[in-house]
Amino acid sequence: MATKRNSWLRASALALLGLGLAYGTQSFIEKEEVKVEPNTTATRANQTWYNNELVDSDPTNPANYALTPKFECGDKTEEICSISAPDDGSGQPDMTYVQSSGSTVESEIQDAESTLNPNTTVQAFRSNH
């Protein structure tokens, strides 16, 4: 009985040794280099959108913007008149799009609204009508 147990252990040990050698030699075989593409975001073309206040007076509401102006932009800096942003696919500006500045369209609108200064997104202001 001891002989059968020993032969089984020897066979198992030799099998494990063989698997280890096979795995080890595989690591030395030249393999094709795997190229990893960097994670890039697609750049979409910005368009000029005019704040026509179609729904409400919220300048971060994409439903308020159209590609043709309803009001003229001017020199007064009381409210946002036009922005530069890509289409979100439904005929409205994409407020979540990250501009070249690293900020989203929406955050740049909020920043321009609080500072009353144009930026990458906000192109022009107008007086309250």
N, C-alpha and C. Protein backbone atom coordinates (compact mmCIF):
# COMPACT_ATOMS: atom_id res chain seq x y z
N MET A 1 0.81 -1.18 0.00
CA MET A 1 0.00 0.00 0.00
C MET A 1 0.86 1.25 0.00
N ALA A 2 1.99 1.20 0.74
CA ALA A 2 2.88 2.35 0.80
C ALA A 2 3.49 2.61 -0.56
N THR A 3 3.71 1.58 -1.34
CA THR A 3 4.28 1.73 -2.68
C THR A 3 3.30 2.44 -3.59
N LYS A 4 2.01 2.10 -3.51
CA LYS A 4 1.02 2.78 -4.33
C LYS A 4 0.92 4.25 -3.96
N ARG A 5 0.96 4.54 -2.67
CA ARG A 5 0.87 5.93 -2.22
C ARG A 5 2.09 6.72 -2.69
N ASN A 6 3.25 6.16 -2.60
CA ASN A 6 4.48 6.82 -3.03
C ASN A 6 4.50 7.03 -4.54
N SER A 7 4.03 6.07 -5.30
CA SER A 7 4.04 6.22 -6.77
C SER A 7 3.05 7.31 -7.18
N TRP A 8 1.94 7.42 -6.48
CA TRP A 8 0.96 8.47 -6.79
C TRP A 8 1.54 9.84 -6.47
N LEU A 9 2.25 9.95 -5.33
CA LEU A 9 2.89 11.21 -4.95
C LEU A 9 3.98 11.58 -5.93
N ARG A 10 4.77 10.60 -6.37
CA ARG A 10 5.82 10.87 -7.36
C ARG A 10 5.23 11.34 -8.68
N ALA A 11 4.16 10.70 -9.09
CA ALA A 11 3.53 11.09 -10.36
C ALA A 11 2.95 12.50 -10.25
N SER A 12 2.35 12.83 -9.12
CA SER A 12 1.80 14.18 -8.92
C SER A 12 2.91 15.21 -8.90
N ALA A 13 3.99 14.90 -8.21
CA ALA A 13 5.12 15.82 -8.12
C ALA A 13 5.74 16.05 -9.49
N LEU A 14 5.88 14.98 -10.26
CA LEU A 14 6.44 15.11 -11.61
C LEU A 14 5.49 15.90 -12.52
N ALA A 15 4.19 15.72 -12.36
CA ALA A 15 3.22 16.47 -13.17
C ALA A 15 3.30 17.96 -12.83
N LEU A 16 3.38 18.27 -11.54
CA LEU A 16 3.50 19.67 -11.12
C LEU A 16 4.81 20.28 -11.62
N LEU A 17 5.88 19.53 -11.54
CA LEU A 17 7.16 20.00 -12.05
C LEU A 17 7.08 20.25 -13.55
N GLY A 18 6.44 19.35 -14.27
CA GLY A 18 6.28 19.53 -15.72
C GLY A 18 5.45 20.75 -16.05
N LEU A 19 4.36 20.97 -15.32
CA LEU A 19 3.53 22.16 -15.54
C LEU A 19 4.31 23.43 -15.23
N GLY A 20 5.09 23.41 -14.17
CA GLY A 20 5.91 24.57 -13.81
C GLY A 20 6.93 24.89 -14.88
N LEU A 21 7.59 23.84 -15.41
CA LEU A 21 8.57 24.04 -16.48
C LEU A 21 7.90 24.57 -17.75
N ALA A 22 6.74 24.03 -18.08
CA ALA A 22 6.04 24.49 -19.27
C ALA A 22 5.64 25.96 -19.12
N TYR A 23 5.15 26.32 -17.95
CA TYR A 23 4.75 27.71 -17.71
C TYR A 23 5.97 28.62 -17.73
N GLY A 24 7.05 28.17 -17.14
CA GLY A 24 8.28 28.97 -17.10
C GLY A 24 8.85 29.21 -18.48
N THR A 25 8.84 28.20 -19.33
CA THR A 25 9.38 28.38 -20.68
C THR A 25 8.48 29.28 -21.52
N GLN A 26 7.18 29.28 -21.24
CA GLN A 26 6.27 30.17 -21.97
C GLN A 26 6.61 31.63 -21.70
N SER A 27 7.11 31.93 -20.51
CA SER A 27 7.41 33.32 -20.19
C SER A 27 8.63 33.82 -20.95
N PHE A 28 9.48 32.90 -21.45
CA PHE A 28 10.66 33.31 -22.21
C PHE A 28 10.42 33.36 -23.71
N ILE A 29 9.30 32.86 -24.16
CA ILE A 29 8.99 32.89 -25.59
C ILE A 29 8.65 34.32 -25.98
N GLU A 30 9.20 34.76 -27.11
CA GLU A 30 8.95 36.13 -27.57
C GLU A 30 7.48 36.27 -27.97
N LYS A 31 6.86 37.27 -27.40
CA LYS A 31 5.45 37.49 -27.68
C LYS A 31 5.28 38.82 -28.39
N GLU A 32 4.19 38.92 -29.11
CA GLU A 32 3.89 40.15 -29.84
C GLU A 32 3.57 41.27 -28.85
N GLU A 33 4.14 42.44 -29.11
CA GLU A 33 3.91 43.58 -28.23
C GLU A 33 2.46 44.05 -28.33
N VAL A 34 1.87 44.27 -27.20
CA VAL A 34 0.50 44.76 -27.16
C VAL A 34 0.55 46.28 -27.06
N LYS A 35 -0.08 46.94 -28.01
CA LYS A 35 -0.11 48.40 -27.99
C LYS A 35 -1.42 48.86 -27.39
N VAL A 36 -1.31 49.76 -26.43
CA VAL A 36 -2.48 50.30 -25.77
C VAL A 36 -2.69 51.72 -26.26
N GLU A 37 -3.86 51.96 -26.83
CA GLU A 37 -4.19 53.30 -27.31
C GLU A 37 -4.55 54.17 -26.13
N PRO A 38 -4.04 55.40 -26.11
CA PRO A 38 -4.42 56.29 -25.00
C PRO A 38 -5.90 56.62 -25.07
N ASN A 39 -6.49 56.82 -23.91
CA ASN A 39 -7.90 57.14 -23.82
C ASN A 39 -8.08 58.60 -24.22
N THR A 40 -8.58 58.83 -25.41
CA THR A 40 -8.77 60.19 -25.88
C THR A 40 -10.25 60.45 -26.05
N THR A 41 -10.62 61.68 -25.80
CA THR A 41 -12.01 62.06 -26.01
C THR A 41 -12.10 62.71 -27.37
N ALA A 42 -13.16 62.39 -28.05
CA ALA A 42 -13.34 62.95 -29.38
C ALA A 42 -13.65 64.43 -29.26
N THR A 43 -12.98 65.21 -30.09
CA THR A 43 -13.23 66.64 -30.11
C THR A 43 -14.36 66.88 -31.09
N ARG A 44 -15.35 67.61 -30.63
CA ARG A 44 -16.47 67.94 -31.49
C ARG A 44 -16.42 69.43 -31.78
N ALA A 45 -16.93 69.80 -32.92
CA ALA A 45 -16.89 71.20 -33.34
C ALA A 45 -17.87 72.04 -32.52
N ASN A 46 -17.35 73.14 -32.00
CA ASN A 46 -18.21 74.08 -31.29
C ASN A 46 -19.02 74.90 -32.29
N GLN A 47 -20.20 75.28 -31.89
CA GLN A 47 -21.07 76.15 -32.67
C GLN A 47 -21.45 77.32 -31.78
N THR A 48 -21.87 78.41 -32.40
CA THR A 48 -22.34 79.55 -31.63
C THR A 48 -23.82 79.39 -31.37
N TRP A 49 -24.18 79.40 -30.09
CA TRP A 49 -25.57 79.25 -29.64
C TRP A 49 -26.00 80.56 -28.99
N TYR A 50 -27.21 80.98 -29.28
CA TYR A 50 -27.74 82.22 -28.74
C TYR A 50 -28.77 81.94 -27.66
N ASN A 51 -28.61 82.64 -26.53
CA ASN A 51 -29.53 82.50 -25.41
C ASN A 51 -30.80 83.29 -25.74
N ASN A 52 -31.80 82.60 -26.24
CA ASN A 52 -33.05 83.23 -26.63
C ASN A 52 -34.12 83.14 -25.55
N GLU A 53 -33.75 82.60 -24.39
CA GLU A 53 -34.69 82.44 -23.28
C GLU A 53 -36.01 81.83 -23.75
N LEU A 54 -35.90 80.69 -24.42
CA LEU A 54 -37.07 80.03 -24.99
C LEU A 54 -37.94 79.36 -23.93
N VAL A 55 -37.35 78.95 -22.81
CA VAL A 55 -38.08 78.23 -21.77
C VAL A 55 -38.14 79.05 -20.48
N ASP A 56 -36.98 79.51 -20.04
CA ASP A 56 -36.87 80.30 -18.82
C ASP A 56 -35.65 81.20 -18.92
N SER A 57 -35.25 81.81 -17.84
CA SER A 57 -34.10 82.72 -17.88
C SER A 57 -32.81 82.06 -17.38
N ASP A 58 -32.79 80.75 -17.25
CA ASP A 58 -31.61 80.02 -16.78
C ASP A 58 -30.61 79.86 -17.92
N PRO A 59 -29.44 80.50 -17.84
CA PRO A 59 -28.47 80.40 -18.94
C PRO A 59 -27.80 79.03 -19.05
N THR A 60 -27.98 78.15 -18.05
CA THR A 60 -27.41 76.80 -18.13
C THR A 60 -28.42 75.79 -18.66
N ASN A 61 -29.62 76.23 -18.98
CA ASN A 61 -30.64 75.35 -19.54
C ASN A 61 -30.44 75.27 -21.05
N PRO A 62 -30.05 74.11 -21.58
CA PRO A 62 -29.77 74.01 -23.02
C PRO A 62 -30.99 74.29 -23.89
N ALA A 63 -32.19 74.14 -23.35
CA ALA A 63 -33.41 74.38 -24.12
C ALA A 63 -33.60 75.87 -24.42
N ASN A 64 -32.85 76.74 -23.76
CA ASN A 64 -32.95 78.18 -24.00
C ASN A 64 -32.13 78.65 -25.19
N TYR A 65 -31.36 77.77 -25.79
CA TYR A 65 -30.42 78.17 -26.85
C TYR A 65 -30.88 77.72 -28.24
N ALA A 66 -30.54 78.57 -29.21
CA ALA A 66 -30.81 78.27 -30.62
C ALA A 66 -29.62 78.76 -31.44
N LEU A 67 -29.52 78.29 -32.68
CA LEU A 67 -28.41 78.68 -33.55
C LEU A 67 -28.64 80.04 -34.21
N THR A 68 -29.85 80.56 -34.13
CA THR A 68 -30.14 81.89 -34.67
C THR A 68 -30.57 82.79 -33.51
N PRO A 69 -30.09 84.05 -33.52
CA PRO A 69 -30.40 84.93 -32.40
C PRO A 69 -31.81 85.50 -32.46
N LYS A 70 -32.42 85.60 -31.31
CA LYS A 70 -33.72 86.26 -31.18
C LYS A 70 -33.50 87.70 -30.69
N PHE A 71 -32.41 87.89 -29.92
CA PHE A 71 -32.03 89.20 -29.39
C PHE A 71 -30.61 89.51 -29.86
N GLU A 72 -30.29 90.78 -29.92
CA GLU A 72 -28.93 91.18 -30.31
C GLU A 72 -28.02 91.18 -29.10
N CYS A 73 -26.78 90.76 -29.33
CA CYS A 73 -25.77 90.83 -28.29
C CYS A 73 -25.22 92.26 -28.31
N GLY A 74 -24.74 92.71 -27.18
CA GLY A 74 -24.22 94.07 -27.10
C GLY A 74 -23.03 94.16 -26.21
N ASP A 75 -22.73 95.39 -25.80
CA ASP A 75 -21.56 95.65 -24.97
C ASP A 75 -21.88 95.52 -23.48
N LYS A 76 -23.13 95.60 -23.12
CA LYS A 76 -23.51 95.53 -21.71
C LYS A 76 -23.30 94.09 -21.21
N THR A 77 -22.94 93.96 -19.97
CA THR A 77 -22.65 92.64 -19.42
C THR A 77 -23.62 92.28 -18.31
N GLU A 78 -24.88 92.26 -18.64
CA GLU A 78 -25.88 91.94 -17.63
C GLU A 78 -26.34 90.48 -17.70
N GLU A 79 -26.37 89.90 -18.88
CA GLU A 79 -26.73 88.48 -18.99
C GLU A 79 -26.05 87.87 -20.21
N ILE A 80 -25.92 86.56 -20.20
CA ILE A 80 -25.22 85.85 -21.27
C ILE A 80 -26.05 85.88 -22.54
N CYS A 81 -25.39 86.23 -23.64
CA CYS A 81 -26.07 86.33 -24.94
C CYS A 81 -25.73 85.14 -25.84
N SER A 82 -24.44 84.81 -25.97
CA SER A 82 -24.06 83.70 -26.84
C SER A 82 -22.95 82.88 -26.21
N ILE A 83 -22.97 81.59 -26.57
CA ILE A 83 -21.97 80.66 -26.07
C ILE A 83 -21.41 79.85 -27.23
N SER A 84 -20.28 79.23 -26.99
CA SER A 84 -19.66 78.34 -27.97
C SER A 84 -19.63 76.94 -27.36
N ALA A 85 -20.36 76.01 -28.01
CA ALA A 85 -20.45 74.64 -27.49
C ALA A 85 -20.86 73.71 -28.63
N PRO A 86 -20.51 72.43 -28.54
CA PRO A 86 -20.96 71.48 -29.56
C PRO A 86 -22.42 71.09 -29.35
N ASP A 87 -23.02 70.58 -30.41
CA ASP A 87 -24.40 70.09 -30.36
C ASP A 87 -24.41 68.78 -29.58
N ASP A 88 -25.41 68.61 -28.72
CA ASP A 88 -25.51 67.37 -27.93
C ASP A 88 -26.19 66.25 -28.70
N GLY A 89 -26.51 66.48 -29.96
CA GLY A 89 -27.15 65.46 -30.79
C GLY A 89 -28.65 65.64 -30.89
N SER A 90 -29.19 66.58 -30.11
CA SER A 90 -30.63 66.81 -30.16
C SER A 90 -30.95 68.26 -30.51
N GLY A 91 -29.99 68.96 -31.09
CA GLY A 91 -30.22 70.33 -31.50
C GLY A 91 -30.09 71.34 -30.37
N GLN A 92 -29.35 70.97 -29.32
CA GLN A 92 -29.11 71.87 -28.20
C GLN A 92 -27.63 71.80 -27.82
N PRO A 93 -27.12 72.84 -27.16
CA PRO A 93 -25.71 72.79 -26.75
C PRO A 93 -25.50 71.73 -25.66
N ASP A 94 -24.35 71.08 -25.73
CA ASP A 94 -24.00 70.04 -24.76
C ASP A 94 -23.37 70.70 -23.54
N MET A 95 -24.12 70.79 -22.47
CA MET A 95 -23.67 71.47 -21.25
C MET A 95 -22.64 70.65 -20.48
N THR A 96 -22.52 69.35 -20.77
CA THR A 96 -21.56 68.50 -20.07
C THR A 96 -20.23 68.38 -20.81
N TYR A 97 -20.14 68.97 -22.00
CA TYR A 97 -18.92 68.88 -22.81
C TYR A 97 -17.78 69.61 -22.11
N VAL A 98 -16.60 68.98 -22.08
CA VAL A 98 -15.43 69.59 -21.45
C VAL A 98 -14.68 70.39 -22.52
N GLN A 99 -14.61 71.69 -22.30
CA GLN A 99 -13.93 72.61 -23.22
C GLN A 99 -12.41 72.46 -23.09
N SER A 100 -11.67 73.15 -23.97
CA SER A 100 -10.21 73.09 -23.94
C SER A 100 -9.64 73.63 -22.63
N SER A 101 -10.42 74.43 -21.93
CA SER A 101 -9.98 74.97 -20.64
C SER A 101 -9.99 73.92 -19.54
N GLY A 102 -10.65 72.78 -19.78
CA GLY A 102 -10.76 71.72 -18.79
C GLY A 102 -12.05 71.79 -17.99
N SER A 103 -12.86 72.81 -18.23
CA SER A 103 -14.14 72.97 -17.53
C SER A 103 -15.29 72.63 -18.47
N THR A 104 -16.40 72.23 -17.89
CA THR A 104 -17.57 71.94 -18.71
C THR A 104 -18.20 73.24 -19.19
N VAL A 105 -19.02 73.13 -20.22
CA VAL A 105 -19.73 74.28 -20.74
C VAL A 105 -20.56 74.92 -19.63
N GLU A 106 -21.27 74.09 -18.89
CA GLU A 106 -22.13 74.60 -17.82
C GLU A 106 -21.34 75.36 -16.76
N SER A 107 -20.20 74.83 -16.32
CA SER A 107 -19.43 75.51 -15.28
C SER A 107 -18.82 76.81 -15.80
N GLU A 108 -18.48 76.86 -17.08
CA GLU A 108 -17.96 78.10 -17.65
C GLU A 108 -19.05 79.16 -17.76
N ILE A 109 -20.28 78.72 -18.05
CA ILE A 109 -21.41 79.66 -18.07
C ILE A 109 -21.62 80.23 -16.66
N GLN A 110 -21.59 79.36 -15.66
CA GLN A 110 -21.77 79.81 -14.28
C GLN A 110 -20.66 80.76 -13.86
N ASP A 111 -19.43 80.46 -14.27
CA ASP A 111 -18.28 81.31 -13.93
C ASP A 111 -18.43 82.68 -14.59
N ALA A 112 -18.79 82.70 -15.87
CA ALA A 112 -18.95 83.96 -16.59
C ALA A 112 -20.11 84.77 -16.01
N GLU A 113 -21.14 84.09 -15.58
CA GLU A 113 -22.30 84.76 -15.01
C GLU A 113 -21.93 85.44 -13.67
N SER A 114 -21.07 84.79 -12.90
CA SER A 114 -20.69 85.36 -11.60
C SER A 114 -19.63 86.45 -11.74
N THR A 115 -18.74 86.34 -12.74
CA THR A 115 -17.68 87.34 -12.91
C THR A 115 -18.02 88.40 -13.95
N LEU A 116 -19.03 88.12 -14.78
CA LEU A 116 -19.41 88.99 -15.90
C LEU A 116 -18.26 89.21 -16.88
N ASN A 117 -17.47 88.16 -17.06
CA ASN A 117 -16.36 88.17 -18.01
C ASN A 117 -16.50 87.01 -18.98
N PRO A 118 -16.25 87.23 -20.28
CA PRO A 118 -16.31 86.12 -21.24
C PRO A 118 -15.18 85.11 -20.96
N ASN A 119 -15.35 83.90 -21.47
CA ASN A 119 -14.33 82.86 -21.32
C ASN A 119 -14.38 81.96 -22.56
N THR A 120 -13.86 80.75 -22.46
CA THR A 120 -13.83 79.84 -23.60
C THR A 120 -15.23 79.57 -24.14
N THR A 121 -16.22 79.49 -23.27
CA THR A 121 -17.59 79.17 -23.67
C THR A 121 -18.41 80.41 -23.94
N VAL A 122 -18.45 81.32 -22.99
CA VAL A 122 -19.30 82.51 -23.11
C VAL A 122 -18.61 83.53 -24.00
N GLN A 123 -19.26 83.84 -25.12
CA GLN A 123 -18.66 84.74 -26.10
C GLN A 123 -19.13 86.18 -25.93
N ALA A 124 -20.39 86.37 -25.59
CA ALA A 124 -20.92 87.73 -25.53
C ALA A 124 -22.03 87.84 -24.48
N PHE A 125 -22.20 89.07 -24.04
CA PHE A 125 -23.26 89.40 -23.08
C PHE A 125 -24.23 90.37 -23.76
N ARG A 126 -25.31 90.68 -23.07
CA ARG A 126 -26.26 91.69 -23.52
C ARG A 126 -26.92 92.27 -22.28
N SER A 127 -27.58 93.38 -22.48
CA SER A 127 -28.28 93.98 -21.35
C SER A 127 -29.60 93.26 -21.15
N ASN A 128 -30.12 93.32 -19.95
CA ASN A 128 -31.45 92.73 -19.69
C ASN A 128 -32.48 93.42 -20.55
N HIS A 129 -33.39 92.69 -21.09
CA HIS A 129 -34.43 93.29 -21.94
C HIS A 129 -35.74 93.26 -21.22
